[in-house]
Amino acid sequence: MTDDAAAAAALLAGSGRFAVRPGLDDAEFAEVEAEFGVTFADDHRAFLAAGLPVGRGWPDWRDGDRAGLRERLARPVEGVLFDVAQNDFWYDGWGPRPADLDAALGAARAGLLTAPRMVPVYAHRYLPAGRGTSGHPVLSIYQTDVICYGTDLRGFVYQEFGLGVPSDRPARPTVTFWSRLIG
């Protein structure tokens, strides 16, 4: 799967549509992972090691605004909590919904602690955190509206930007909680 990620990075760099800086090295990955308390999935790591896309929509893990990166990391959970509070969303896996809104938000927040942390790839496209994992579909996450946006990073680059050849593999839900929201 990391070969597909490197191929996706090469397609993106070769397109000339985005600035692509030299990829992150091991020391930079260690620094970013320690600062933000996340680990990149192996294919996400390979993608960012092959070249760091920068510009509108891309998280700049090297020189980007640190508060902005924290906000992007928090956005999936905050979006779900918004829908709990404003749109009457409730996930059955959290048990019965408390009648009191503050209690419902507390229960949802506790339930979301068990959901994999999502790491931004581009705009509101995410991959799950987790060293030793790869091959996850890229998910578009906007509040509780979750869409599969590519069977993997190569599929994402094709679907998002029309670069390369589409994957012939079907997208398979792999991410606990988030995959259940795919509509």
N, C-alpha and C. Protein backbone atom coordinates (compact mmCIF):
# COMPACT_ATOMS: atom_id res chain seq x y z
N MET A 1 0.81 -1.21 0.00
CA MET A 1 0.00 0.00 0.00
C MET A 1 0.85 1.27 0.00
N THR A 2 2.03 1.21 0.60
CA THR A 2 2.85 2.41 0.61
C THR A 2 3.37 2.75 -0.77
N ASP A 3 3.49 1.73 -1.66
CA ASP A 3 3.87 2.01 -3.05
C ASP A 3 2.79 2.84 -3.73
N ASP A 4 1.52 2.52 -3.47
CA ASP A 4 0.41 3.31 -4.02
C ASP A 4 0.45 4.73 -3.49
N ALA A 5 0.82 4.90 -2.22
CA ALA A 5 0.89 6.24 -1.64
C ALA A 5 2.01 7.04 -2.30
N ALA A 6 3.15 6.41 -2.51
CA ALA A 6 4.25 7.10 -3.19
C ALA A 6 3.87 7.43 -4.63
N ALA A 7 3.14 6.53 -5.28
CA ALA A 7 2.68 6.79 -6.65
C ALA A 7 1.69 7.96 -6.65
N ALA A 8 0.84 8.02 -5.65
CA ALA A 8 -0.12 9.13 -5.55
C ALA A 8 0.62 10.44 -5.37
N ALA A 9 1.64 10.44 -4.53
CA ALA A 9 2.44 11.66 -4.32
C ALA A 9 3.13 12.07 -5.61
N ALA A 10 3.66 11.10 -6.36
CA ALA A 10 4.33 11.40 -7.63
C ALA A 10 3.34 11.97 -8.65
N LEU A 11 2.14 11.41 -8.71
CA LEU A 11 1.11 11.95 -9.62
C LEU A 11 0.79 13.40 -9.28
N LEU A 12 0.63 13.66 -8.01
CA LEU A 12 0.30 15.00 -7.55
C LEU A 12 1.43 15.97 -7.88
N ALA A 13 2.66 15.58 -7.57
CA ALA A 13 3.81 16.44 -7.84
C ALA A 13 3.96 16.69 -9.34
N GLY A 14 3.78 15.63 -10.13
CA GLY A 14 3.94 15.74 -11.58
C GLY A 14 2.87 16.56 -12.25
N SER A 15 1.74 16.73 -11.59
CA SER A 15 0.64 17.48 -12.21
C SER A 15 0.92 18.98 -12.28
N GLY A 16 1.77 19.47 -11.40
CA GLY A 16 2.06 20.90 -11.36
C GLY A 16 0.94 21.74 -10.80
N ARG A 17 -0.12 21.12 -10.31
CA ARG A 17 -1.27 21.87 -9.79
C ARG A 17 -1.03 22.43 -8.40
N PHE A 18 -0.09 21.83 -7.68
CA PHE A 18 0.19 22.25 -6.30
C PHE A 18 1.69 22.32 -6.10
N ALA A 19 2.09 23.21 -5.20
CA ALA A 19 3.49 23.21 -4.80
C ALA A 19 3.71 21.97 -3.94
N VAL A 20 4.79 21.26 -4.22
CA VAL A 20 5.14 20.09 -3.43
C VAL A 20 6.58 20.28 -2.97
N ARG A 21 6.73 20.38 -1.66
CA ARG A 21 8.06 20.56 -1.07
C ARG A 21 8.67 19.19 -0.81
N PRO A 22 9.96 19.18 -0.48
CA PRO A 22 10.57 17.90 -0.10
C PRO A 22 9.75 17.26 1.04
N GLY A 23 9.69 15.95 1.00
CA GLY A 23 8.89 15.22 1.98
C GLY A 23 9.43 15.34 3.40
N LEU A 24 8.58 14.99 4.34
CA LEU A 24 8.98 14.99 5.74
C LEU A 24 9.97 13.85 5.98
N ASP A 25 10.97 14.11 6.83
CA ASP A 25 11.90 13.05 7.19
C ASP A 25 11.50 12.46 8.54
N ASP A 26 12.20 11.43 8.95
CA ASP A 26 11.83 10.73 10.18
C ASP A 26 11.81 11.65 11.40
N ALA A 27 12.78 12.55 11.49
CA ALA A 27 12.82 13.48 12.63
C ALA A 27 11.61 14.41 12.61
N GLU A 28 11.23 14.89 11.43
CA GLU A 28 10.05 15.76 11.34
C GLU A 28 8.78 14.99 11.68
N PHE A 29 8.66 13.75 11.22
CA PHE A 29 7.49 12.95 11.60
C PHE A 29 7.43 12.79 13.11
N ALA A 30 8.56 12.48 13.72
CA ALA A 30 8.58 12.29 15.18
C ALA A 30 8.16 13.56 15.90
N GLU A 31 8.62 14.70 15.41
CA GLU A 31 8.28 15.98 16.02
C GLU A 31 6.78 16.28 15.89
N VAL A 32 6.25 16.09 14.69
CA VAL A 32 4.82 16.35 14.45
C VAL A 32 3.95 15.40 15.27
N GLU A 33 4.32 14.13 15.27
CA GLU A 33 3.52 13.14 16.00
C GLU A 33 3.55 13.41 17.50
N ALA A 34 4.69 13.84 18.03
CA ALA A 34 4.77 14.18 19.46
C ALA A 34 3.98 15.45 19.76
N GLU A 35 4.10 16.46 18.91
CA GLU A 35 3.41 17.72 19.15
C GLU A 35 1.90 17.57 19.13
N PHE A 36 1.38 16.78 18.19
CA PHE A 36 -0.07 16.68 18.01
C PHE A 36 -0.67 15.41 18.60
N GLY A 37 0.16 14.52 19.13
CA GLY A 37 -0.35 13.32 19.76
C GLY A 37 -1.05 12.37 18.80
N VAL A 38 -0.54 12.26 17.58
CA VAL A 38 -1.12 11.36 16.59
C VAL A 38 0.04 10.64 15.89
N THR A 39 -0.27 9.50 15.33
CA THR A 39 0.69 8.82 14.46
C THR A 39 0.05 8.68 13.09
N PHE A 40 0.83 8.87 12.07
CA PHE A 40 0.32 8.74 10.71
C PHE A 40 0.23 7.27 10.35
N ALA A 41 -0.82 6.90 9.62
CA ALA A 41 -0.89 5.57 9.04
C ALA A 41 0.28 5.41 8.08
N ASP A 42 0.71 4.19 7.86
CA ASP A 42 1.92 3.96 7.05
C ASP A 42 1.83 4.55 5.65
N ASP A 43 0.66 4.42 5.00
CA ASP A 43 0.55 4.97 3.64
C ASP A 43 0.49 6.49 3.66
N HIS A 44 -0.13 7.08 4.66
CA HIS A 44 -0.16 8.54 4.79
C HIS A 44 1.27 9.05 5.00
N ARG A 45 2.00 8.33 5.84
CA ARG A 45 3.39 8.67 6.10
C ARG A 45 4.21 8.59 4.81
N ALA A 46 4.03 7.51 4.03
CA ALA A 46 4.77 7.35 2.77
C ALA A 46 4.43 8.48 1.80
N PHE A 47 3.16 8.86 1.75
CA PHE A 47 2.71 9.95 0.89
C PHE A 47 3.43 11.25 1.26
N LEU A 48 3.46 11.56 2.56
CA LEU A 48 4.07 12.82 3.02
C LEU A 48 5.60 12.76 2.98
N ALA A 49 6.19 11.57 3.03
CA ALA A 49 7.64 11.43 2.91
C ALA A 49 8.08 11.62 1.46
N ALA A 50 7.21 11.24 0.53
CA ALA A 50 7.53 11.39 -0.90
C ALA A 50 7.47 12.84 -1.35
N GLY A 51 6.70 13.66 -0.68
CA GLY A 51 6.56 15.07 -1.01
C GLY A 51 5.47 15.68 -0.17
N LEU A 52 5.70 16.89 0.31
CA LEU A 52 4.74 17.57 1.17
C LEU A 52 3.98 18.60 0.35
N PRO A 53 2.73 18.27 -0.06
CA PRO A 53 1.95 19.26 -0.80
C PRO A 53 1.59 20.42 0.11
N VAL A 54 1.67 21.61 -0.42
CA VAL A 54 1.34 22.80 0.37
C VAL A 54 0.44 23.71 -0.46
N GLY A 55 -0.24 24.58 0.21
CA GLY A 55 -1.15 25.50 -0.44
C GLY A 55 -2.56 25.26 0.06
N ARG A 56 -3.48 25.96 -0.53
CA ARG A 56 -4.87 25.92 -0.09
C ARG A 56 -5.39 24.48 0.04
N GLY A 57 -5.88 24.15 1.21
CA GLY A 57 -6.47 22.85 1.48
C GLY A 57 -5.52 21.83 2.07
N TRP A 58 -4.22 21.97 1.83
CA TRP A 58 -3.26 20.99 2.32
C TRP A 58 -2.76 21.36 3.71
N PRO A 59 -2.75 20.43 4.65
CA PRO A 59 -2.15 20.73 5.95
C PRO A 59 -0.63 20.78 5.80
N ASP A 60 -0.04 21.87 6.21
CA ASP A 60 1.42 22.02 6.13
C ASP A 60 2.01 21.60 7.47
N TRP A 61 2.39 20.32 7.53
CA TRP A 61 2.89 19.76 8.78
C TRP A 61 4.26 20.30 9.15
N ARG A 62 4.97 20.92 8.23
CA ARG A 62 6.30 21.44 8.52
C ARG A 62 6.24 22.89 9.01
N ASP A 63 5.58 23.75 8.27
CA ASP A 63 5.61 25.19 8.58
C ASP A 63 4.24 25.79 8.83
N GLY A 64 3.20 24.97 8.89
CA GLY A 64 1.85 25.48 9.02
C GLY A 64 1.54 26.05 10.39
N ASP A 65 0.48 26.82 10.43
CA ASP A 65 -0.03 27.40 11.67
C ASP A 65 -0.41 26.28 12.62
N ARG A 66 0.24 26.20 13.77
CA ARG A 66 0.03 25.10 14.71
C ARG A 66 -1.39 25.09 15.26
N ALA A 67 -1.93 26.24 15.57
CA ALA A 67 -3.31 26.29 16.08
C ALA A 67 -4.29 25.82 14.99
N GLY A 68 -4.04 26.20 13.76
CA GLY A 68 -4.88 25.78 12.65
C GLY A 68 -4.82 24.26 12.44
N LEU A 69 -3.64 23.68 12.59
CA LEU A 69 -3.50 22.23 12.47
C LEU A 69 -4.25 21.52 13.59
N ARG A 70 -4.17 22.06 14.81
CA ARG A 70 -4.92 21.47 15.93
C ARG A 70 -6.42 21.53 15.67
N GLU A 71 -6.87 22.64 15.12
CA GLU A 71 -8.30 22.80 14.82
C GLU A 71 -8.73 21.78 13.76
N ARG A 72 -7.90 21.57 12.76
CA ARG A 72 -8.24 20.60 11.71
C ARG A 72 -8.28 19.18 12.25
N LEU A 73 -7.39 18.87 13.19
CA LEU A 73 -7.41 17.56 13.83
C LEU A 73 -8.67 17.37 14.68
N ALA A 74 -9.14 18.44 15.29
CA ALA A 74 -10.32 18.37 16.17
C ALA A 74 -11.63 18.42 15.39
N ARG A 75 -11.59 18.90 14.15
CA ARG A 75 -12.81 19.15 13.38
C ARG A 75 -13.75 17.95 13.25
N PRO A 76 -13.27 16.74 12.97
CA PRO A 76 -14.22 15.63 12.85
C PRO A 76 -15.04 15.42 14.13
N VAL A 77 -14.39 15.41 15.28
CA VAL A 77 -15.11 15.21 16.55
C VAL A 77 -16.02 16.39 16.83
N GLU A 78 -15.52 17.59 16.64
CA GLU A 78 -16.33 18.78 16.90
C GLU A 78 -17.55 18.82 15.98
N GLY A 79 -17.40 18.35 14.75
CA GLY A 79 -18.53 18.31 13.82
C GLY A 79 -19.60 17.34 14.29
N VAL A 80 -19.19 16.18 14.80
CA VAL A 80 -20.17 15.22 15.33
C VAL A 80 -20.88 15.83 16.53
N LEU A 81 -20.14 16.46 17.43
CA LEU A 81 -20.76 17.08 18.60
C LEU A 81 -21.73 18.20 18.21
N PHE A 82 -21.39 18.94 17.16
CA PHE A 82 -22.30 19.96 16.65
C PHE A 82 -23.62 19.31 16.22
N ASP A 83 -23.52 18.20 15.49
CA ASP A 83 -24.74 17.52 15.03
C ASP A 83 -25.53 16.92 16.19
N VAL A 84 -24.85 16.49 17.24
CA VAL A 84 -25.56 16.00 18.43
C VAL A 84 -26.37 17.16 19.03
N ALA A 85 -25.73 18.33 19.13
CA ALA A 85 -26.37 19.48 19.78
C ALA A 85 -27.41 20.15 18.89
N GLN A 86 -27.13 20.27 17.60
CA GLN A 86 -27.98 21.09 16.74
C GLN A 86 -28.91 20.31 15.81
N ASN A 87 -28.55 19.06 15.52
CA ASN A 87 -29.29 18.32 14.49
C ASN A 87 -29.83 16.99 14.98
N ASP A 88 -29.87 16.83 16.30
CA ASP A 88 -30.46 15.64 16.92
C ASP A 88 -29.79 14.34 16.49
N PHE A 89 -28.51 14.40 16.11
CA PHE A 89 -27.78 13.18 15.75
C PHE A 89 -27.51 12.36 17.00
N TRP A 90 -27.64 11.05 16.86
CA TRP A 90 -27.24 10.14 17.93
C TRP A 90 -26.78 8.83 17.32
N TYR A 91 -25.67 8.32 17.79
CA TYR A 91 -25.10 7.06 17.31
C TYR A 91 -25.56 5.95 18.26
N ASP A 92 -26.18 4.91 17.71
CA ASP A 92 -26.71 3.82 18.53
C ASP A 92 -25.67 3.16 19.42
N GLY A 93 -24.44 3.14 18.98
CA GLY A 93 -23.37 2.52 19.74
C GLY A 93 -23.06 3.22 21.05
N TRP A 94 -23.60 4.41 21.25
CA TRP A 94 -23.39 5.13 22.51
C TRP A 94 -24.45 4.80 23.55
N GLY A 95 -25.39 3.94 23.21
CA GLY A 95 -26.48 3.62 24.14
C GLY A 95 -27.61 4.62 23.99
N PRO A 96 -28.57 4.59 24.91
CA PRO A 96 -29.71 5.51 24.82
C PRO A 96 -29.26 6.97 24.96
N ARG A 97 -29.89 7.83 24.21
CA ARG A 97 -29.54 9.26 24.27
C ARG A 97 -30.13 9.87 25.54
N PRO A 98 -29.29 10.52 26.35
CA PRO A 98 -29.82 11.24 27.51
C PRO A 98 -30.73 12.38 27.07
N ALA A 99 -31.75 12.66 27.85
CA ALA A 99 -32.70 13.73 27.52
C ALA A 99 -32.05 15.10 27.65
N ASP A 100 -31.17 15.26 28.62
CA ASP A 100 -30.49 16.53 28.86
C ASP A 100 -29.38 16.72 27.82
N LEU A 101 -29.33 17.87 27.16
CA LEU A 101 -28.36 18.11 26.10
C LEU A 101 -26.92 18.03 26.61
N ASP A 102 -26.64 18.61 27.78
CA ASP A 102 -25.27 18.55 28.30
C ASP A 102 -24.86 17.11 28.58
N ALA A 103 -25.77 16.32 29.10
CA ALA A 103 -25.47 14.91 29.36
C ALA A 103 -25.29 14.15 28.04
N ALA A 104 -26.09 14.49 27.03
CA ALA A 104 -25.95 13.86 25.72
C ALA A 104 -24.60 14.20 25.12
N LEU A 105 -24.19 15.46 25.20
CA LEU A 105 -22.89 15.86 24.68
C LEU A 105 -21.76 15.16 25.43
N GLY A 106 -21.90 15.02 26.73
CA GLY A 106 -20.89 14.31 27.53
C GLY A 106 -20.78 12.84 27.12
N ALA A 107 -21.93 12.20 26.93
CA ALA A 107 -21.93 10.80 26.51
C ALA A 107 -21.35 10.65 25.11
N ALA A 108 -21.68 11.57 24.21
CA ALA A 108 -21.14 11.53 22.85
C ALA A 108 -19.63 11.75 22.88
N ARG A 109 -19.19 12.71 23.66
CA ARG A 109 -17.75 12.98 23.76
C ARG A 109 -17.01 11.74 24.30
N ALA A 110 -17.59 11.09 25.30
CA ALA A 110 -16.98 9.87 25.85
C ALA A 110 -16.97 8.77 24.80
N GLY A 111 -18.05 8.63 24.05
CA GLY A 111 -18.10 7.62 23.00
C GLY A 111 -17.09 7.88 21.90
N LEU A 112 -16.87 9.15 21.59
CA LEU A 112 -15.92 9.50 20.52
C LEU A 112 -14.47 9.25 20.93
N LEU A 113 -14.21 9.09 22.22
CA LEU A 113 -12.85 8.77 22.66
C LEU A 113 -12.40 7.41 22.15
N THR A 114 -13.35 6.54 21.83
CA THR A 114 -13.00 5.21 21.33
C THR A 114 -12.92 5.18 19.79
N ALA A 115 -13.35 6.24 19.14
CA ALA A 115 -13.27 6.30 17.67
C ALA A 115 -11.84 6.64 17.26
N PRO A 116 -11.35 6.05 16.18
CA PRO A 116 -10.00 6.39 15.73
C PRO A 116 -9.88 7.89 15.44
N ARG A 117 -8.75 8.43 15.77
CA ARG A 117 -8.47 9.83 15.47
C ARG A 117 -8.24 9.97 13.98
N MET A 118 -8.84 10.98 13.40
CA MET A 118 -8.72 11.20 11.96
C MET A 118 -7.71 12.32 11.71
N VAL A 119 -6.88 12.12 10.69
CA VAL A 119 -5.79 13.04 10.36
C VAL A 119 -6.08 13.64 8.99
N PRO A 120 -6.04 14.98 8.90
CA PRO A 120 -6.37 15.59 7.60
C PRO A 120 -5.35 15.26 6.52
N VAL A 121 -5.88 14.99 5.34
CA VAL A 121 -5.08 14.77 4.15
C VAL A 121 -5.15 16.02 3.28
N TYR A 122 -6.38 16.49 3.05
CA TYR A 122 -6.62 17.66 2.19
C TYR A 122 -8.03 18.16 2.52
N ALA A 123 -8.17 19.47 2.72
CA ALA A 123 -9.47 20.07 3.02
C ALA A 123 -10.15 19.24 4.12
N HIS A 124 -11.36 18.72 3.86
CA HIS A 124 -12.02 17.89 4.88
C HIS A 124 -11.97 16.41 4.49
N ARG A 125 -10.86 16.00 3.90
CA ARG A 125 -10.59 14.61 3.58
C ARG A 125 -9.61 14.08 4.63
N TYR A 126 -9.90 12.90 5.16
CA TYR A 126 -9.14 12.37 6.29
C TYR A 126 -8.77 10.90 6.11
N LEU A 127 -7.69 10.53 6.77
CA LEU A 127 -7.31 9.13 6.97
C LEU A 127 -7.20 8.91 8.48
N PRO A 128 -7.41 7.66 8.93
CA PRO A 128 -7.26 7.41 10.35
C PRO A 128 -5.79 7.44 10.76
N ALA A 129 -5.55 7.85 11.99
CA ALA A 129 -4.21 7.75 12.56
C ALA A 129 -3.92 6.28 12.82
N GLY A 130 -2.66 5.97 12.98
CA GLY A 130 -2.33 4.61 13.38
C GLY A 130 -1.17 4.01 12.66
N ARG A 131 -0.01 4.07 13.28
CA ARG A 131 1.18 3.43 12.73
C ARG A 131 0.91 1.94 12.59
N GLY A 132 1.42 1.34 11.53
CA GLY A 132 1.21 -0.08 11.30
C GLY A 132 -0.07 -0.38 10.55
N THR A 133 -0.77 0.66 10.10
CA THR A 133 -1.98 0.46 9.31
C THR A 133 -1.81 1.15 7.97
N SER A 134 -2.55 0.66 6.97
CA SER A 134 -2.53 1.30 5.65
C SER A 134 -3.71 0.76 4.85
N GLY A 135 -3.93 1.37 3.69
CA GLY A 135 -4.96 0.89 2.79
C GLY A 135 -6.37 1.34 3.14
N HIS A 136 -6.48 2.29 4.04
CA HIS A 136 -7.81 2.80 4.39
C HIS A 136 -8.33 3.70 3.28
N PRO A 137 -9.65 3.72 3.06
CA PRO A 137 -10.19 4.71 2.14
C PRO A 137 -10.05 6.10 2.75
N VAL A 138 -9.88 7.09 1.89
CA VAL A 138 -9.88 8.48 2.34
C VAL A 138 -11.34 8.86 2.52
N LEU A 139 -11.65 9.43 3.69
CA LEU A 139 -13.02 9.80 3.99
C LEU A 139 -13.18 11.31 3.97
N SER A 140 -14.23 11.76 3.33
CA SER A 140 -14.64 13.16 3.40
C SER A 140 -15.54 13.25 4.63
N ILE A 141 -15.14 14.06 5.60
CA ILE A 141 -15.90 14.17 6.85
C ILE A 141 -16.29 15.62 7.05
N TYR A 142 -17.58 15.85 7.03
CA TYR A 142 -18.13 17.17 7.35
C TYR A 142 -19.28 16.93 8.32
N GLN A 143 -19.01 17.20 9.60
CA GLN A 143 -19.94 16.86 10.66
C GLN A 143 -20.21 15.35 10.59
N THR A 144 -21.48 14.93 10.48
CA THR A 144 -21.75 13.49 10.40
C THR A 144 -22.01 13.05 8.96
N ASP A 145 -21.72 13.91 8.01
CA ASP A 145 -21.80 13.57 6.60
C ASP A 145 -20.45 12.99 6.20
N VAL A 146 -20.39 11.69 6.04
CA VAL A 146 -19.13 11.00 5.73
C VAL A 146 -19.30 10.27 4.40
N ILE A 147 -18.35 10.52 3.51
CA ILE A 147 -18.36 9.93 2.17
C ILE A 147 -16.99 9.33 1.91
N CYS A 148 -16.96 8.18 1.29
CA CYS A 148 -15.70 7.59 0.87
C CYS A 148 -15.21 8.38 -0.34
N TYR A 149 -14.01 8.93 -0.23
CA TYR A 149 -13.48 9.76 -1.30
C TYR A 149 -12.20 9.17 -1.86
N GLY A 150 -12.25 7.90 -2.15
CA GLY A 150 -11.10 7.20 -2.71
C GLY A 150 -10.84 5.94 -1.93
N THR A 151 -10.57 4.86 -2.64
CA THR A 151 -10.34 3.57 -1.99
C THR A 151 -9.07 3.57 -1.16
N ASP A 152 -8.16 4.46 -1.48
CA ASP A 152 -6.88 4.63 -0.78
C ASP A 152 -6.33 5.98 -1.26
N LEU A 153 -5.09 6.30 -0.92
CA LEU A 153 -4.55 7.60 -1.33
C LEU A 153 -4.48 7.77 -2.84
N ARG A 154 -4.11 6.72 -3.55
CA ARG A 154 -4.07 6.81 -5.02
C ARG A 154 -5.47 7.06 -5.57
N GLY A 155 -6.45 6.34 -5.05
CA GLY A 155 -7.84 6.54 -5.46
C GLY A 155 -8.34 7.93 -5.13
N PHE A 156 -7.90 8.46 -3.99
CA PHE A 156 -8.26 9.82 -3.60
C PHE A 156 -7.71 10.84 -4.60
N VAL A 157 -6.43 10.69 -4.96
CA VAL A 157 -5.81 11.63 -5.91
C VAL A 157 -6.54 11.59 -7.24
N TYR A 158 -6.96 10.40 -7.65
CA TYR A 158 -7.73 10.30 -8.88
C TYR A 158 -9.10 10.98 -8.71
N GLN A 159 -9.82 10.61 -7.67
CA GLN A 159 -11.19 11.12 -7.50
C GLN A 159 -11.21 12.62 -7.24
N GLU A 160 -10.31 13.11 -6.42
CA GLU A 160 -10.31 14.53 -6.06
C GLU A 160 -9.80 15.41 -7.19
N PHE A 161 -8.75 14.96 -7.88
CA PHE A 161 -8.07 15.82 -8.85
C PHE A 161 -8.06 15.28 -10.28
N GLY A 162 -8.60 14.07 -10.49
CA GLY A 162 -8.63 13.49 -11.82
C GLY A 162 -7.26 13.10 -12.34
N LEU A 163 -6.35 12.74 -11.44
CA LEU A 163 -4.98 12.39 -11.83
C LEU A 163 -4.79 10.88 -11.77
N GLY A 164 -4.19 10.32 -12.78
CA GLY A 164 -3.88 8.90 -12.77
C GLY A 164 -5.05 8.04 -13.19
N VAL A 165 -4.96 6.78 -12.82
CA VAL A 165 -5.95 5.77 -13.20
C VAL A 165 -6.75 5.42 -11.95
N PRO A 166 -8.07 5.34 -12.08
CA PRO A 166 -8.86 4.98 -10.90
C PRO A 166 -8.52 3.57 -10.41
N SER A 167 -8.65 3.38 -9.12
CA SER A 167 -8.42 2.05 -8.55
C SER A 167 -9.55 1.13 -8.95
N ASP A 168 -9.21 -0.12 -9.20
CA ASP A 168 -10.26 -1.08 -9.53
C ASP A 168 -10.73 -1.83 -8.28
N ARG A 169 -10.14 -1.50 -7.13
CA ARG A 169 -10.57 -2.12 -5.88
C ARG A 169 -11.80 -1.39 -5.35
N PRO A 170 -12.75 -2.14 -4.82
CA PRO A 170 -13.89 -1.47 -4.20
C PRO A 170 -13.47 -0.86 -2.87
N ALA A 171 -14.08 0.24 -2.52
CA ALA A 171 -13.81 0.86 -1.22
C ALA A 171 -14.38 -0.06 -0.15
N ARG A 172 -13.60 -0.28 0.88
CA ARG A 172 -14.08 -1.10 1.98
C ARG A 172 -14.02 -0.29 3.26
N PRO A 173 -15.12 -0.20 3.97
CA PRO A 173 -15.10 0.52 5.24
C PRO A 173 -14.13 -0.15 6.21
N THR A 174 -13.23 0.63 6.78
CA THR A 174 -12.21 0.07 7.66
C THR A 174 -12.12 0.77 9.00
N VAL A 175 -12.75 1.90 9.16
CA VAL A 175 -12.50 2.73 10.32
C VAL A 175 -13.70 2.68 11.28
N THR A 176 -13.48 2.10 12.44
CA THR A 176 -14.52 2.01 13.44
C THR A 176 -15.19 3.37 13.63
N PHE A 177 -16.45 3.38 13.86
CA PHE A 177 -17.33 4.53 14.03
C PHE A 177 -17.48 5.32 12.74
N TRP A 178 -16.42 5.88 12.18
CA TRP A 178 -16.52 6.76 11.02
C TRP A 178 -17.12 6.03 9.82
N SER A 179 -16.76 4.78 9.61
CA SER A 179 -17.31 4.01 8.50
C SER A 179 -18.80 3.78 8.64
N ARG A 180 -19.29 3.75 9.86
CA ARG A 180 -20.73 3.56 10.10
C ARG A 180 -21.54 4.79 9.65
N LEU A 181 -20.87 5.92 9.51
CA LEU A 181 -21.56 7.15 9.11
C LEU A 181 -21.59 7.34 7.59
N ILE A 182 -20.88 6.49 6.85
CA ILE A 182 -20.85 6.63 5.40
C ILE A 182 -22.27 6.51 4.86
N GLY A 183 -22.67 7.53 4.13
CA GLY A 183 -24.05 7.55 3.62
C GLY A 183 -24.12 7.56 2.13
